[in-house]
Amino acid sequence: MPMTFSYRLIRDKSGFVAECVESEAAGEGKTAKDAVDALRRSLEERMFRPDAVAPPSHPAEETIELVLADESSSGERRSLDLGGPGDAR
């Protein structure tokens, strides 16, 4: 069963930023797809990287599903400052 996270997609001068609603993860890319893919990789690294010195004997079978957040239902827009150029609108 996949773990589901919501994200917001923001266009700026250099491309797109996909930011996770439930965590402090974000991904950037020249296209919306690239930004969402980068966010998925960031979440996978946080969720599935082994904390032990040796990797587990069998890799985790978990997957991450990303769904676009409906900003009209949340009432509050939160944005991450990634320290890059561009207008995060």
PDB file of N, CA and C in Angstrom:
ATOM      1  N   MET A   1       0.845  -1.172   0.000  1.00  0.00           N
ATOM      2  CA  MET A   1       0.000   0.000   0.000  1.00  0.00           C
ATOM      3  C   MET A   1       0.899   1.247   0.000  1.00  0.00           C
ATOM      4  N   PRO A   2       0.655   2.176  -0.918  1.00  0.00           N
ATOM      5  CA  PRO A   2       1.527   3.356  -0.976  1.00  0.00           C
ATOM      6  C   PRO A   2       1.247   4.341   0.153  1.00  0.00           C
ATOM      7  N   MET A   3       2.275   5.066   0.543  1.00  0.00           N
ATOM      8  CA  MET A   3       2.134   6.166   1.489  1.00  0.00           C
ATOM      9  C   MET A   3       1.766   7.390   0.651  1.00  0.00           C
ATOM     10  N   THR A   4       0.741   8.121   1.045  1.00  0.00           N
ATOM     11  CA  THR A   4       0.253   9.238   0.245  1.00  0.00           C
ATOM     12  C   THR A   4       0.601  10.559   0.912  1.00  0.00           C
ATOM     13  N   PHE A   5       1.179  11.457   0.123  1.00  0.00           N
ATOM     14  CA  PHE A   5       1.523  12.802   0.566  1.00  0.00           C
ATOM     15  C   PHE A   5       0.915  13.801  -0.407  1.00  0.00           C
ATOM     16  N   SER A   6       0.516  14.966   0.097  1.00  0.00           N
ATOM     17  CA  SER A   6       0.010  16.050  -0.740  1.00  0.00           C
ATOM     18  C   SER A   6       1.146  17.020  -1.030  1.00  0.00           C
ATOM     19  N   TYR A   7       1.054  17.675  -2.173  1.00  0.00           N
ATOM     20  CA  TYR A   7       2.074  18.672  -2.508  1.00  0.00           C
ATOM     21  C   TYR A   7       1.440  19.872  -3.180  1.00  0.00           C
ATOM     22  N   ARG A   8       2.141  20.979  -3.121  1.00  0.00           N
ATOM     23  CA  ARG A   8       1.768  22.196  -3.843  1.00  0.00           C
ATOM     24  C   ARG A   8       2.797  22.409  -4.940  1.00  0.00           C
ATOM     25  N   LEU A   9       2.345  22.881  -6.067  1.00  0.00           N
ATOM     26  CA  LEU A   9       3.234  23.151  -7.187  1.00  0.00           C
ATOM     27  C   LEU A   9       3.296  24.654  -7.399  1.00  0.00           C
ATOM     28  N   ILE A  10       4.497  25.199  -7.363  1.00  0.00           N
ATOM     29  CA  ILE A  10       4.711  26.638  -7.495  1.00  0.00           C
ATOM     30  C   ILE A  10       5.625  26.876  -8.692  1.00  0.00           C
ATOM     31  N   ARG A  11       5.238  27.815  -9.534  1.00  0.00           N
ATOM     32  CA  ARG A  11       6.076  28.172 -10.679  1.00  0.00           C
ATOM     33  C   ARG A  11       6.892  29.407 -10.304  1.00  0.00           C
ATOM     34  N   ASP A  12       8.190  29.371 -10.596  1.00  0.00           N
ATOM     35  CA  ASP A  12       9.023  30.552 -10.391  1.00  0.00           C
ATOM     36  C   ASP A  12       9.834  30.804 -11.656  1.00  0.00           C
ATOM     37  N   LYS A  13      10.713  31.769 -11.623  1.00  0.00           N
ATOM     38  CA  LYS A  13      11.458  32.167 -12.828  1.00  0.00           C
ATOM     39  C   LYS A  13      12.333  31.064 -13.394  1.00  0.00           C
ATOM     40  N   SER A  14      12.828  30.183 -12.530  1.00  0.00           N
ATOM     41  CA  SER A  14      13.744  29.143 -13.006  1.00  0.00           C
ATOM     42  C   SER A  14      13.048  27.812 -13.278  1.00  0.00           C
ATOM     43  N   GLY A  15      11.738  27.704 -13.019  1.00  0.00           N
ATOM     44  CA  GLY A  15      11.034  26.454 -13.262  1.00  0.00           C
ATOM     45  C   GLY A  15       9.906  26.253 -12.275  1.00  0.00           C
ATOM     46  N   PHE A  16       9.938  25.102 -11.597  1.00  0.00           N
ATOM     47  CA  PHE A  16       8.866  24.735 -10.676  1.00  0.00           C
ATOM     48  C   PHE A  16       9.433  24.246  -9.355  1.00  0.00           C
ATOM     49  N   VAL A  17       8.647  24.414  -8.293  1.00  0.00           N
ATOM     50  CA  VAL A  17       8.944  23.864  -6.979  1.00  0.00           C
ATOM     51  C   VAL A  17       7.716  23.060  -6.546  1.00  0.00           C
ATOM     52  N   ALA A  18       7.936  21.820  -6.142  1.00  0.00           N
ATOM     53  CA  ALA A  18       6.883  20.988  -5.560  1.00  0.00           C
ATOM     54  C   ALA A  18       7.207  20.858  -4.086  1.00  0.00           C
ATOM     55  N   GLU A  19       6.311  21.339  -3.222  1.00  0.00           N
ATOM     56  CA  GLU A  19       6.560  21.275  -1.786  1.00  0.00           C
ATOM     57  C   GLU A  19       5.519  20.391  -1.124  1.00  0.00           C
ATOM     58  N   CYS A  20       5.980  19.541  -0.229  1.00  0.00           N
ATOM     59  CA  CYS A  20       5.121  18.599   0.474  1.00  0.00           C
ATOM     60  C   CYS A  20       4.353  19.338   1.570  1.00  0.00           C
ATOM     61  N   VAL A  21       3.062  19.075   1.666  1.00  0.00           N
ATOM     62  CA  VAL A  21       2.225  19.711   2.674  1.00  0.00           C
ATOM     63  C   VAL A  21       2.506  19.124   4.056  1.00  0.00           C
ATOM     64  N   GLU A  22       2.752  17.824   4.131  1.00  0.00           N
ATOM     65  CA  GLU A  22       2.888  17.146   5.411  1.00  0.00           C
ATOM     66  C   GLU A  22       4.301  17.151   5.994  1.00  0.00           C
ATOM     67  N   SER A  23       5.302  17.506   5.213  1.00  0.00           N
ATOM     68  CA  SER A  23       6.676  17.517   5.734  1.00  0.00           C
ATOM     69  C   SER A  23       7.437  18.697   5.152  1.00  0.00           C
ATOM     70  N   GLU A  24       8.653  18.850   5.563  1.00  0.00           N
ATOM     71  CA  GLU A  24       9.500  19.946   5.093  1.00  0.00           C
ATOM     72  C   GLU A  24      10.286  19.558   3.847  1.00  0.00           C
ATOM     73  N   ALA A  25       9.768  18.636   3.054  1.00  0.00           N
ATOM     74  CA  ALA A  25      10.452  18.195   1.842  1.00  0.00           C
ATOM     75  C   ALA A  25       9.987  19.021   0.647  1.00  0.00           C
ATOM     76  N   ALA A  26      10.897  19.210  -0.307  1.00  0.00           N
ATOM     77  CA  ALA A  26      10.567  19.931  -1.534  1.00  0.00           C
ATOM     78  C   ALA A  26      11.460  19.424  -2.655  1.00  0.00           C
ATOM     79  N   GLY A  27      11.024  19.672  -3.872  1.00  0.00           N
ATOM     80  CA  GLY A  27      11.814  19.320  -5.045  1.00  0.00           C
ATOM     81  C   GLY A  27      11.704  20.426  -6.073  1.00  0.00           C
ATOM     82  N   GLU A  28      12.779  20.648  -6.819  1.00  0.00           N
ATOM     83  CA  GLU A  28      12.810  21.677  -7.849  1.00  0.00           C
ATOM     84  C   GLU A  28      13.081  21.040  -9.199  1.00  0.00           C
ATOM     85  N   GLY A  29      12.598  21.683 -10.270  1.00  0.00           N
ATOM     86  CA  GLY A  29      12.870  21.203 -11.608  1.00  0.00           C
ATOM     87  C   GLY A  29      12.473  22.219 -12.655  1.00  0.00           C
ATOM     88  N   LYS A  30      12.992  22.030 -13.858  1.00  0.00           N
ATOM     89  CA  LYS A  30      12.641  22.929 -14.969  1.00  0.00           C
ATOM     90  C   LYS A  30      11.203  22.733 -15.409  1.00  0.00           C
ATOM     91  N   THR A  31      10.664  21.522 -15.217  1.00  0.00           N
ATOM     92  CA  THR A  31       9.267  21.239 -15.537  1.00  0.00           C
ATOM     93  C   THR A  31       8.554  20.806 -14.254  1.00  0.00           C
ATOM     94  N   ALA A  32       7.213  20.826 -14.308  1.00  0.00           N
ATOM     95  CA  ALA A  32       6.432  20.382 -13.154  1.00  0.00           C
ATOM     96  C   ALA A  32       6.729  18.919 -12.845  1.00  0.00           C
ATOM     97  N   LYS A  33       6.842  18.096 -13.878  1.00  0.00           N
ATOM     98  CA  LYS A  33       7.139  16.673 -13.678  1.00  0.00           C
ATOM     99  C   LYS A  33       8.491  16.492 -12.998  1.00  0.00           C
ATOM    100  N   ASP A  34       9.501  17.253 -13.424  1.00  0.00           N
ATOM    101  CA  ASP A  34      10.825  17.156 -12.805  1.00  0.00           C
ATOM    102  C   ASP A  34      10.774  17.537 -11.324  1.00  0.00           C
ATOM    103  N   ALA A  35      10.000  18.575 -10.993  1.00  0.00           N
ATOM    104  CA  ALA A  35       9.888  19.011  -9.600  1.00  0.00           C
ATOM    105  C   ALA A  35       9.195  17.947  -8.746  1.00  0.00           C
ATOM    106  N   VAL A  36       8.138  17.333  -9.269  1.00  0.00           N
ATOM    107  CA  VAL A  36       7.424  16.290  -8.528  1.00  0.00           C
ATOM    108  C   VAL A  36       8.312  15.059  -8.366  1.00  0.00           C
ATOM    109  N   ASP A  37       9.058  14.698  -9.421  1.00  0.00           N
ATOM    110  CA  ASP A  37       9.989  13.569  -9.326  1.00  0.00           C
ATOM    111  C   ASP A  37      11.066  13.835  -8.272  1.00  0.00           C
ATOM    112  N   ALA A  38      11.577  15.075  -8.221  1.00  0.00           N
ATOM    113  CA  ALA A  38      12.590  15.431  -7.223  1.00  0.00           C
ATOM    114  C   ALA A  38      12.004  15.379  -5.814  1.00  0.00           C
ATOM    115  N   LEU A  39      10.753  15.802  -5.650  1.00  0.00           N
ATOM    116  CA  LEU A  39      10.090  15.709  -4.349  1.00  0.00           C
ATOM    117  C   LEU A  39       9.939  14.248  -3.940  1.00  0.00           C
ATOM    118  N   ARG A  40       9.540  13.390  -4.865  1.00  0.00           N
ATOM    119  CA  ARG A  40       9.387  11.961  -4.557  1.00  0.00           C
ATOM    120  C   ARG A  40      10.719  11.369  -4.097  1.00  0.00           C
ATOM    121  N   ARG A  41      11.808  11.704  -4.796  1.00  0.00           N
ATOM    122  CA  ARG A  41      13.138  11.202  -4.400  1.00  0.00           C
ATOM    123  C   ARG A  41      13.509  11.711  -3.010  1.00  0.00           C
ATOM    124  N   SER A  42      13.224  12.970  -2.727  1.00  0.00           N
ATOM    125  CA  SER A  42      13.529  13.534  -1.407  1.00  0.00           C
ATOM    126  C   SER A  42      12.765  12.806  -0.310  1.00  0.00           C
ATOM    127  N   LEU A  43      11.482  12.544  -0.541  1.00  0.00           N
ATOM    128  CA  LEU A  43      10.684  11.819   0.449  1.00  0.00           C
ATOM    129  C   LEU A  43      11.168  10.381   0.607  1.00  0.00           C
ATOM    130  N   GLU A  44      11.513   9.729  -0.500  1.00  0.00           N
ATOM    131  CA  GLU A  44      12.007   8.349  -0.427  1.00  0.00           C
ATOM    132  C   GLU A  44      13.299   8.274   0.376  1.00  0.00           C
ATOM    133  N   GLU A  45      14.197   9.244   0.168  1.00  0.00           N
ATOM    134  CA  GLU A  45      15.450   9.266   0.930  1.00  0.00           C
ATOM    135  C   GLU A  45      15.174   9.424   2.422  1.00  0.00           C
ATOM    136  N   ARG A  46      14.225  10.272   2.772  1.00  0.00           N
ATOM    137  CA  ARG A  46      13.890  10.486   4.181  1.00  0.00           C
ATOM    138  C   ARG A  46      13.212   9.274   4.802  1.00  0.00           C
ATOM    139  N   MET A  47      12.340   8.615   4.054  1.00  0.00           N
ATOM    140  CA  MET A  47      11.517   7.546   4.603  1.00  0.00           C
ATOM    141  C   MET A  47      12.192   6.173   4.561  1.00  0.00           C
ATOM    142  N   PHE A  48      12.987   5.920   3.539  1.00  0.00           N
ATOM    143  CA  PHE A  48      13.450   4.556   3.306  1.00  0.00           C
ATOM    144  C   PHE A  48      14.947   4.337   3.461  1.00  0.00           C
ATOM    145  N   ARG A  49      15.720   5.395   3.731  1.00  0.00           N
ATOM    146  CA  ARG A  49      17.162   5.166   3.855  1.00  0.00           C
ATOM    147  C   ARG A  49      17.451   4.417   5.152  1.00  0.00           C
ATOM    148  N   PRO A  50      18.311   3.447   5.080  1.00  0.00           N
ATOM    149  CA  PRO A  50      18.629   2.688   6.292  1.00  0.00           C
ATOM    150  C   PRO A  50      19.477   3.515   7.247  1.00  0.00           C
ATOM    151  N   ASP A  51      19.195   3.384   8.518  1.00  0.00           N
ATOM    152  CA  ASP A  51      19.973   4.082   9.538  1.00  0.00           C
ATOM    153  C   ASP A  51      21.170   3.255   9.991  1.00  0.00           C
ATOM    154  N   ALA A  52      21.179   1.984   9.645  1.00  0.00           N
ATOM    155  CA  ALA A  52      22.279   1.103  10.033  1.00  0.00           C
ATOM    156  C   ALA A  52      23.442   1.255   9.059  1.00  0.00           C
ATOM    157  N   VAL A  53      24.606   0.769   9.475  1.00  0.00           N
ATOM    158  CA  VAL A  53      25.796   0.827   8.629  1.00  0.00           C
ATOM    159  C   VAL A  53      25.617  -0.075   7.402  1.00  0.00           C
ATOM    160  N   ALA A  54      25.085  -1.259   7.608  1.00  0.00           N
ATOM    161  CA  ALA A  54      24.863  -2.196   6.511  1.00  0.00           C
ATOM    162  C   ALA A  54      23.423  -2.056   6.023  1.00  0.00           C
ATOM    163  N   PRO A  55      23.201  -2.143   4.703  1.00  0.00           N
ATOM    164  CA  PRO A  55      21.834  -2.050   4.191  1.00  0.00           C
ATOM    165  C   PRO A  55      21.012  -3.267   4.630  1.00  0.00           C
ATOM    166  N   PRO A  56      19.695  -3.124   4.669  1.00  0.00           N
ATOM    167  CA  PRO A  56      18.863  -4.254   5.060  1.00  0.00           C
ATOM    168  C   PRO A  56      18.990  -5.395   4.056  1.00  0.00           C
ATOM    169  N   SER A  57      18.730  -6.626   4.520  1.00  0.00           N
ATOM    170  CA  SER A  57      18.872  -7.784   3.642  1.00  0.00           C
ATOM    171  C   SER A  57      17.836  -7.799   2.536  1.00  0.00           C
ATOM    172  N   HIS A  58      16.695  -7.169   2.750  1.00  0.00           N
ATOM    173  CA  HIS A  58      15.685  -7.061   1.696  1.00  0.00           C
ATOM    174  C   HIS A  58      15.161  -5.625   1.677  1.00  0.00           C
ATOM    175  N   PRO A  59      15.139  -4.998   0.492  1.00  0.00           N
ATOM    176  CA  PRO A  59      14.720  -3.598   0.401  1.00  0.00           C
ATOM    177  C   PRO A  59      13.237  -3.431   0.718  1.00  0.00           C
ATOM    178  N   ALA A  60      12.896  -2.268   1.199  1.00  0.00           N
ATOM    179  CA  ALA A  60      11.500  -1.960   1.517  1.00  0.00           C
ATOM    180  C   ALA A  60      10.667  -1.949   0.241  1.00  0.00           C
ATOM    181  N   GLU A  61       9.456  -2.442   0.344  1.00  0.00           N
ATOM    182  CA  GLU A  61       8.549  -2.498  -0.794  1.00  0.00           C
ATOM    183  C   GLU A  61       7.610  -1.294  -0.833  1.00  0.00           C
ATOM    184  N   GLU A  62       7.746  -0.380   0.097  1.00  0.00           N
ATOM    185  CA  GLU A  62       6.864   0.778   0.177  1.00  0.00           C
ATOM    186  C   GLU A  62       7.045   1.691  -1.033  1.00  0.00           C
ATOM    187  N   THR A  63       5.976   2.324  -1.453  1.00  0.00           N
ATOM    188  CA  THR A  63       6.031   3.326  -2.508  1.00  0.00           C
ATOM    189  C   THR A  63       5.379   4.600  -1.989  1.00  0.00           C
ATOM    190  N   ILE A  64       5.707   5.704  -2.638  1.00  0.00           N
ATOM    191  CA  ILE A  64       5.144   6.994  -2.253  1.00  0.00           C
ATOM    192  C   ILE A  64       4.247   7.478  -3.378  1.00  0.00           C
ATOM    193  N   GLU A  65       3.039   7.851  -3.021  1.00  0.00           N
ATOM    194  CA  GLU A  65       2.098   8.422  -3.970  1.00  0.00           C
ATOM    195  C   GLU A  65       1.954   9.899  -3.639  1.00  0.00           C
ATOM    196  N   LEU A  66       2.056  10.760  -4.657  1.00  0.00           N
ATOM    197  CA  LEU A  66       1.920  12.199  -4.455  1.00  0.00           C
ATOM    198  C   LEU A  66       0.644  12.681  -5.122  1.00  0.00           C
ATOM    199  N   VAL A  67      -0.133  13.483  -4.396  1.00  0.00           N
ATOM    200  CA  VAL A  67      -1.368  14.055  -4.932  1.00  0.00           C
ATOM    201  C   VAL A  67      -1.307  15.571  -4.773  1.00  0.00           C
ATOM    202  N   LEU A  68      -1.785  16.270  -5.778  1.00  0.00           N
ATOM    203  CA  LEU A  68      -1.785  17.727  -5.755  1.00  0.00           C
ATOM    204  C   LEU A  68      -2.769  18.212  -4.703  1.00  0.00           C
ATOM    205  N   ALA A  69      -2.305  19.080  -3.807  1.00  0.00           N
ATOM    206  CA  ALA A  69      -3.144  19.597  -2.719  1.00  0.00           C
ATOM    207  C   ALA A  69      -4.179  20.561  -3.273  1.00  0.00           C
ATOM    208  N   ASP A  70      -5.363  20.535  -2.684  1.00  0.00           N
ATOM    209  CA  ASP A  70      -6.428  21.462  -3.025  1.00  0.00           C
ATOM    210  C   ASP A  70      -6.305  22.641  -2.078  1.00  0.00           C
ATOM    211  N   GLU A  71      -5.706  23.730  -2.552  1.00  0.00           N
ATOM    212  CA  GLU A  71      -5.433  24.874  -1.686  1.00  0.00           C
ATOM    213  C   GLU A  71      -6.700  25.553  -1.195  1.00  0.00           C
ATOM    214  N   SER A  72      -7.813  25.413  -1.905  1.00  0.00           N
ATOM    215  CA  SER A  72      -9.038  26.068  -1.465  1.00  0.00           C
ATOM    216  C   SER A  72      -9.586  25.437  -0.193  1.00  0.00           C
ATOM    217  N   SER A  73      -9.270  24.149   0.062  1.00  0.00           N
ATOM    218  CA  SER A  73      -9.781  23.511   1.271  1.00  0.00           C
ATOM    219  C   SER A  73      -8.863  23.694   2.468  1.00  0.00           C
ATOM    220  N   SER A  74      -7.591  24.008   2.238  1.00  0.00           N
ATOM    221  CA  SER A  74      -6.667  24.137   3.364  1.00  0.00           C
ATOM    222  C   SER A  74      -6.796  25.481   4.064  1.00  0.00           C
ATOM    223  N   GLY A  75      -7.178  26.527   3.328  1.00  0.00           N
ATOM    224  CA  GLY A  75      -7.367  27.830   3.936  1.00  0.00           C
ATOM    225  C   GLY A  75      -6.077  28.599   4.167  1.00  0.00           C
ATOM    226  N   GLU A  76      -4.960  27.923   4.264  1.00  0.00           N
ATOM    227  CA  GLU A  76      -3.687  28.591   4.533  1.00  0.00           C
ATOM    228  C   GLU A  76      -2.665  28.104   3.535  1.00  0.00           C
ATOM    229  N   ARG A  77      -1.924  29.025   2.950  1.00  0.00           N
ATOM    230  CA  ARG A  77      -0.884  28.660   2.007  1.00  0.00           C
ATOM    231  C   ARG A  77       0.456  28.801   2.711  1.00  0.00           C
ATOM    232  N   ARG A  78       1.197  27.700   2.769  1.00  0.00           N
ATOM    233  CA  ARG A  78       2.507  27.691   3.394  1.00  0.00           C
ATOM    234  C   ARG A  78       3.526  27.487   2.289  1.00  0.00           C
ATOM    235  N   SER A  79       4.600  28.210   2.342  1.00  0.00           N
ATOM    236  CA  SER A  79       5.607  28.089   1.309  1.00  0.00           C
ATOM    237  C   SER A  79       6.975  27.933   1.956  1.00  0.00           C
ATOM    238  N   LEU A  80       7.812  27.126   1.352  1.00  0.00           N
ATOM    239  CA  LEU A  80       9.168  26.944   1.852  1.00  0.00           C
ATOM    240  C   LEU A  80      10.095  27.936   1.185  1.00  0.00           C
ATOM    241  N   ASP A  81      10.998  28.524   1.923  1.00  0.00           N
ATOM    242  CA  ASP A  81      12.022  29.393   1.370  1.00  0.00           C
ATOM    243  C   ASP A  81      13.215  28.524   1.051  1.00  0.00           C
ATOM    244  N   LEU A  82      13.421  28.252  -0.227  1.00  0.00           N
ATOM    245  CA  LEU A  82      14.524  27.404  -0.642  1.00  0.00           C
ATOM    246  C   LEU A  82      15.801  28.191  -0.911  1.00  0.00           C
ATOM    247  N   GLY A  83      15.736  29.501  -0.701  1.00  0.00           N
ATOM    248  CA  GLY A  83      16.935  30.318  -0.840  1.00  0.00           C
ATOM    249  C   GLY A  83      17.354  30.556  -2.268  1.00  0.00           C
ATOM    250  N   GLY A  84      16.486  30.304  -3.231  1.00  0.00           N
ATOM    251  CA  GLY A  84      16.843  30.480  -4.637  1.00  0.00           C
ATOM    252  C   GLY A  84      16.198  31.716  -5.209  1.00  0.00           C
ATOM    253  N   PRO A  85      16.605  32.079  -6.425  1.00  0.00           N
ATOM    254  CA  PRO A  85      16.017  33.255  -7.067  1.00  0.00           C
ATOM    255  C   PRO A  85      14.611  32.941  -7.556  1.00  0.00           C
ATOM    256  N   GLY A  86      13.860  33.973  -7.760  1.00  0.00           N
ATOM    257  CA  GLY A  86      12.534  33.785  -8.350  1.00  0.00           C
ATOM    258  C   GLY A  86      11.428  34.153  -7.402  1.00  0.00           C
ATOM    259  N   ASP A  87      10.292  34.364  -7.991  1.00  0.00           N
ATOM    260  CA  ASP A  87       9.091  34.703  -7.246  1.00  0.00           C
ATOM    261  C   ASP A  87       8.304  33.435  -7.014  1.00  0.00           C
ATOM    262  N   ALA A  88       8.132  33.017  -5.777  1.00  0.00           N
ATOM    263  CA  ALA A  88       7.443  31.772  -5.442  1.00  0.00           C
ATOM    264  C   ALA A  88       5.939  31.954  -5.477  1.00  0.00           C
ATOM    265  N   ARG A  89       5.415  32.306  -6.619  1.00  0.00           N
ATOM    266  CA  ARG A  89       3.961  32.461  -6.805  1.00  0.00           C
ATOM    267  C   ARG A  89       3.472  31.508  -7.827  1.00  0.00           C
TER     268      ARG A  89
END
